[in-house]
């Protein structure tokens, strides 16, 4: 599916794969492999940003995928996030949507909403929130109505 469809129909918390359609090069070609990895991967949908019009530039709507946190001993040193405009030439696929009963930990960032964490239950979300200390975060449970609307409107993961 296109980046535009991901922006329009994939809910925050979805696991999204992206690809340029090229085969993975052998490991011995390190530069080609690094370039391939930058255009092929998986991430969790954490933000959708509407288009912006400014006097000096315009930006199309975009979305951000969280690809991972790297560090050690419980300390995150690097967080990898990639943003894609709806005009991206990559192909996207929703691998997994949030399940009924899971809870999103969300925070308002300007005019946008950002997913901070996707927990398996309300208790797990509250525990995560207590440990991390986000003061402006809120919890949003995934309901049967949301999952059912996705299925009825043809948004089920393919």
C-alpha atoms as a PDB file:
ATOM      1  CA  UNK A   1       0.000   0.000   0.000  1.00  0.00           C
ATOM      2  CA  UNK A   2       1.073   3.592  -0.419  1.00  0.00           C
ATOM      3  CA  UNK A   3       2.320   5.971   2.241  1.00  0.00           C
ATOM      4  CA  UNK A   4      -0.882   7.948   1.763  1.00  0.00           C
ATOM      5  CA  UNK A   5      -2.990   4.929   2.757  1.00  0.00           C
ATOM      6  CA  UNK A   6      -0.862   4.335   5.861  1.00  0.00           C
ATOM      7  CA  UNK A   7      -1.443   7.964   6.848  1.00  0.00           C
ATOM      8  CA  UNK A   8      -5.174   7.718   6.184  1.00  0.00           C
ATOM      9  CA  UNK A   9      -6.135   4.353   7.683  1.00  0.00           C
ATOM     10  CA  UNK A  10      -3.452   2.779   9.900  1.00  0.00           C
ATOM     11  CA  UNK A  11      -4.070   3.436  13.623  1.00  0.00           C
ATOM     12  CA  UNK A  12      -1.304   4.588  15.941  1.00  0.00           C
ATOM     13  CA  UNK A  13       0.469   1.562  17.376  1.00  0.00           C
ATOM     14  CA  UNK A  14       0.351  -0.441  14.134  1.00  0.00           C
ATOM     15  CA  UNK A  15       3.475  -2.343  13.138  1.00  0.00           C
ATOM     16  CA  UNK A  16       4.355  -1.222   9.606  1.00  0.00           C
ATOM     17  CA  UNK A  17       6.882  -2.727   7.174  1.00  0.00           C
ATOM     18  CA  UNK A  18       8.345  -0.667   4.353  1.00  0.00           C
ATOM     19  CA  UNK A  19      10.269  -1.717   1.279  1.00  0.00           C
ATOM     20  CA  UNK A  20      11.671  -0.433  -1.990  1.00  0.00           C
ATOM     21  CA  UNK A  21      11.056  -3.817  -3.638  1.00  0.00           C
ATOM     22  CA  UNK A  22      14.733  -4.599  -4.207  1.00  0.00           C
ATOM     23  CA  UNK A  23      16.238  -7.941  -3.089  1.00  0.00           C
ATOM     24  CA  UNK A  24      18.548  -7.904  -0.074  1.00  0.00           C
ATOM     25  CA  UNK A  25      22.197  -7.821  -1.194  1.00  0.00           C
ATOM     26  CA  UNK A  26      24.731 -10.320   0.203  1.00  0.00           C
ATOM     27  CA  UNK A  27      26.386  -9.391   3.524  1.00  0.00           C
ATOM     28  CA  UNK A  28      29.802  -8.978   1.869  1.00  0.00           C
ATOM     29  CA  UNK A  29      28.531  -5.855   0.069  1.00  0.00           C
ATOM     30  CA  UNK A  30      28.444  -3.720   3.207  1.00  0.00           C
ATOM     31  CA  UNK A  31      27.669  -0.364   1.552  1.00  0.00           C
ATOM     32  CA  UNK A  32      24.900  -1.807  -0.614  1.00  0.00           C
ATOM     33  CA  UNK A  33      23.485  -3.645   2.401  1.00  0.00           C
ATOM     34  CA  UNK A  34      23.502  -0.464   4.511  1.00  0.00           C
ATOM     35  CA  UNK A  35      21.703   1.427   1.729  1.00  0.00           C
ATOM     36  CA  UNK A  36      19.170  -1.397   1.390  1.00  0.00           C
ATOM     37  CA  UNK A  37      18.512  -1.429   5.165  1.00  0.00           C
ATOM     38  CA  UNK A  38      17.759   2.303   5.087  1.00  0.00           C
ATOM     39  CA  UNK A  39      14.929   1.654   2.591  1.00  0.00           C
ATOM     40  CA  UNK A  40      13.614  -1.656   3.968  1.00  0.00           C
ATOM     41  CA  UNK A  41      12.535  -2.254   7.550  1.00  0.00           C
ATOM     42  CA  UNK A  42       9.805  -2.348  10.168  1.00  0.00           C
ATOM     43  CA  UNK A  43       8.621   0.182  12.709  1.00  0.00           C
ATOM     44  CA  UNK A  44       5.718   1.035  14.981  1.00  0.00           C
ATOM     45  CA  UNK A  45       3.506   3.927  13.854  1.00  0.00           C
ATOM     46  CA  UNK A  46       3.916   6.612  16.534  1.00  0.00           C
ATOM     47  CA  UNK A  47       2.904   9.895  14.903  1.00  0.00           C
ATOM     48  CA  UNK A  48       0.879  11.356  12.053  1.00  0.00           C
ATOM     49  CA  UNK A  49       1.648  14.944  11.096  1.00  0.00           C
ATOM     50  CA  UNK A  50      -0.734  16.916   8.869  1.00  0.00           C
ATOM     51  CA  UNK A  51       0.650  18.896   5.953  1.00  0.00           C
ATOM     52  CA  UNK A  52       2.062  22.357   6.630  1.00  0.00           C
ATOM     53  CA  UNK A  53       1.974  25.483   4.504  1.00  0.00           C
ATOM     54  CA  UNK A  54       4.400  28.255   5.431  1.00  0.00           C
ATOM     55  CA  UNK A  55       5.419  31.332   3.482  1.00  0.00           C
ATOM     56  CA  UNK A  56       8.828  29.841   2.667  1.00  0.00           C
ATOM     57  CA  UNK A  57       7.998  26.139   2.285  1.00  0.00           C
ATOM     58  CA  UNK A  58       5.284  23.532   2.284  1.00  0.00           C
ATOM     59  CA  UNK A  59       5.457  20.007   3.663  1.00  0.00           C
ATOM     60  CA  UNK A  60       3.122  17.136   2.775  1.00  0.00           C
ATOM     61  CA  UNK A  61       1.384  15.124   5.489  1.00  0.00           C
ATOM     62  CA  UNK A  62       3.743  12.560   7.001  1.00  0.00           C
ATOM     63  CA  UNK A  63       3.966   9.775   9.558  1.00  0.00           C
ATOM     64  CA  UNK A  64       6.725   8.560  11.842  1.00  0.00           C
ATOM     65  CA  UNK A  65       7.791   4.978  12.541  1.00  0.00           C
ATOM     66  CA  UNK A  66       9.702   4.040  15.696  1.00  0.00           C
ATOM     67  CA  UNK A  67      12.246   1.414  14.657  1.00  0.00           C
ATOM     68  CA  UNK A  68      13.946   0.769  17.963  1.00  0.00           C
ATOM     69  CA  UNK A  69      15.871   1.898  21.013  1.00  0.00           C
ATOM     70  CA  UNK A  70      19.512   1.066  21.473  1.00  0.00           C
ATOM     71  CA  UNK A  71      21.592   1.183  24.632  1.00  0.00           C
ATOM     72  CA  UNK A  72      22.488  -0.956  27.584  1.00  0.00           C
ATOM     73  CA  UNK A  73      21.784  -1.542  31.276  1.00  0.00           C
ATOM     74  CA  UNK A  74      18.302  -0.060  30.969  1.00  0.00           C
ATOM     75  CA  UNK A  75      19.598   3.214  29.510  1.00  0.00           C
ATOM     76  CA  UNK A  76      18.487   4.227  26.035  1.00  0.00           C
ATOM     77  CA  UNK A  77      21.294   5.923  24.140  1.00  0.00           C
ATOM     78  CA  UNK A  78      19.762   6.158  20.670  1.00  0.00           C
ATOM     79  CA  UNK A  79      16.173   6.065  19.490  1.00  0.00           C
ATOM     80  CA  UNK A  80      15.701   5.411  15.772  1.00  0.00           C
ATOM     81  CA  UNK A  81      12.646   7.021  14.208  1.00  0.00           C
ATOM     82  CA  UNK A  82      11.994   7.556  10.517  1.00  0.00           C
ATOM     83  CA  UNK A  83       9.441   9.921   9.027  1.00  0.00           C
ATOM     84  CA  UNK A  84       7.868   9.465   5.596  1.00  0.00           C
ATOM     85  CA  UNK A  85       5.827  11.913   3.581  1.00  0.00           C
ATOM     86  CA  UNK A  86       2.701  10.656   1.862  1.00  0.00           C
ATOM     87  CA  UNK A  87       4.543  11.143  -1.437  1.00  0.00           C
ATOM     88  CA  UNK A  88       7.185   8.505  -0.547  1.00  0.00           C
ATOM     89  CA  UNK A  89       8.059   6.038  -3.327  1.00  0.00           C
ATOM     90  CA  UNK A  90       8.365   3.142  -0.846  1.00  0.00           C
ATOM     91  CA  UNK A  91       5.720   0.426  -0.438  1.00  0.00           C
ATOM     92  CA  UNK A  92       4.197  -0.059   3.001  1.00  0.00           C
ATOM     93  CA  UNK A  93       2.341  -2.924   4.639  1.00  0.00           C
ATOM     94  CA  UNK A  94       0.552  -3.112   7.982  1.00  0.00           C
ATOM     95  CA  UNK A  95       1.901  -6.229   9.695  1.00  0.00           C
ATOM     96  CA  UNK A  96      -0.050  -5.939  12.925  1.00  0.00           C
ATOM     97  CA  UNK A  97      -2.697  -3.626  14.316  1.00  0.00           C
ATOM     98  CA  UNK A  98      -3.218  -2.943  18.024  1.00  0.00           C
ATOM     99  CA  UNK A  99      -5.360  -5.636  19.639  1.00  0.00           C
ATOM    100  CA  UNK A 100      -8.478  -5.267  21.756  1.00  0.00           C
ATOM    101  CA  UNK A 101      -7.475  -4.638  25.374  1.00  0.00           C
ATOM    102  CA  UNK A 102      -4.103  -3.093  24.597  1.00  0.00           C
ATOM    103  CA  UNK A 103      -3.606   0.462  25.831  1.00  0.00           C
ATOM    104  CA  UNK A 104      -1.905   3.340  24.050  1.00  0.00           C
ATOM    105  CA  UNK A 105       0.086   5.814  26.128  1.00  0.00           C
ATOM    106  CA  UNK A 106      -0.302   9.074  24.210  1.00  0.00           C
ATOM    107  CA  UNK A 107       1.020  12.589  24.574  1.00  0.00           C
ATOM    108  CA  UNK A 108      -0.026  15.765  22.779  1.00  0.00           C
ATOM    109  CA  UNK A 109       2.918  17.381  21.009  1.00  0.00           C
ATOM    110  CA  UNK A 110       1.824  20.716  19.596  1.00  0.00           C
ATOM    111  CA  UNK A 111      -1.133  19.961  17.343  1.00  0.00           C
ATOM    112  CA  UNK A 112      -0.161  16.296  16.995  1.00  0.00           C
ATOM    113  CA  UNK A 113      -0.573  13.181  19.089  1.00  0.00           C
ATOM    114  CA  UNK A 114       2.440  10.938  19.677  1.00  0.00           C
ATOM    115  CA  UNK A 115       2.374   7.323  20.805  1.00  0.00           C
ATOM    116  CA  UNK A 116       4.832   6.887  23.666  1.00  0.00           C
ATOM    117  CA  UNK A 117       4.131   3.231  24.434  1.00  0.00           C
ATOM    118  CA  UNK A 118       1.747   0.433  23.525  1.00  0.00           C
ATOM    119  CA  UNK A 119       0.989  -1.694  26.599  1.00  0.00           C
ATOM    120  CA  UNK A 120      -0.747  -5.064  26.825  1.00  0.00           C
ATOM    121  CA  UNK A 121      -3.166  -3.882  29.540  1.00  0.00           C
ATOM    122  CA  UNK A 122      -4.236  -0.809  31.512  1.00  0.00           C
ATOM    123  CA  UNK A 123      -2.203  -1.989  34.522  1.00  0.00           C
ATOM    124  CA  UNK A 124       0.926  -2.372  32.380  1.00  0.00           C
ATOM    125  CA  UNK A 125       0.360   1.088  30.869  1.00  0.00           C
ATOM    126  CA  UNK A 126      -0.056   2.676  34.299  1.00  0.00           C
ATOM    127  CA  UNK A 127       3.094   0.942  35.558  1.00  0.00           C
ATOM    128  CA  UNK A 128       5.066   2.080  32.490  1.00  0.00           C
ATOM    129  CA  UNK A 129       3.779   5.630  32.941  1.00  0.00           C
ATOM    130  CA  UNK A 130       4.709   5.641  36.641  1.00  0.00           C
ATOM    131  CA  UNK A 131       8.243   4.447  35.836  1.00  0.00           C
ATOM    132  CA  UNK A 132       8.821   6.917  32.982  1.00  0.00           C
ATOM    133  CA  UNK A 133       7.186   9.940  34.614  1.00  0.00           C
ATOM    134  CA  UNK A 134       5.460  11.595  31.658  1.00  0.00           C
ATOM    135  CA  UNK A 135       3.244  14.215  33.284  1.00  0.00           C
ATOM    136  CA  UNK A 136       1.067  15.106  30.268  1.00  0.00           C
ATOM    137  CA  UNK A 137       0.484  11.583  28.970  1.00  0.00           C
ATOM    138  CA  UNK A 138      -2.932   9.986  28.745  1.00  0.00           C
ATOM    139  CA  UNK A 139      -4.145   6.419  28.292  1.00  0.00           C
ATOM    140  CA  UNK A 140      -6.387   5.210  25.474  1.00  0.00           C
ATOM    141  CA  UNK A 141      -7.678   1.651  25.432  1.00  0.00           C
ATOM    142  CA  UNK A 142      -8.115  -0.230  22.146  1.00  0.00           C
ATOM    143  CA  UNK A 143     -11.794  -1.124  22.013  1.00  0.00           C
ATOM    144  CA  UNK A 144     -13.815  -3.645  20.042  1.00  0.00           C
ATOM    145  CA  UNK A 145     -15.542  -0.684  18.345  1.00  0.00           C
ATOM    146  CA  UNK A 146     -12.223   0.573  16.917  1.00  0.00           C
ATOM    147  CA  UNK A 147     -11.124  -2.870  15.732  1.00  0.00           C
ATOM    148  CA  UNK A 148     -14.598  -3.582  14.338  1.00  0.00           C
ATOM    149  CA  UNK A 149     -14.678  -0.266  12.441  1.00  0.00           C
ATOM    150  CA  UNK A 150     -11.359  -1.144  10.811  1.00  0.00           C
ATOM    151  CA  UNK A 151     -12.754  -4.491   9.614  1.00  0.00           C
ATOM    152  CA  UNK A 152     -16.034  -2.997   8.358  1.00  0.00           C
ATOM    153  CA  UNK A 153     -14.316  -0.132   6.554  1.00  0.00           C
ATOM    154  CA  UNK A 154     -11.826  -2.502   4.902  1.00  0.00           C
ATOM    155  CA  UNK A 155      -8.827  -1.507   6.991  1.00  0.00           C
ATOM    156  CA  UNK A 156      -7.922  -4.951   8.276  1.00  0.00           C
ATOM    157  CA  UNK A 157      -4.210  -5.780   8.149  1.00  0.00           C
ATOM    158  CA  UNK A 158      -3.223  -7.434   4.930  1.00  0.00           C
END
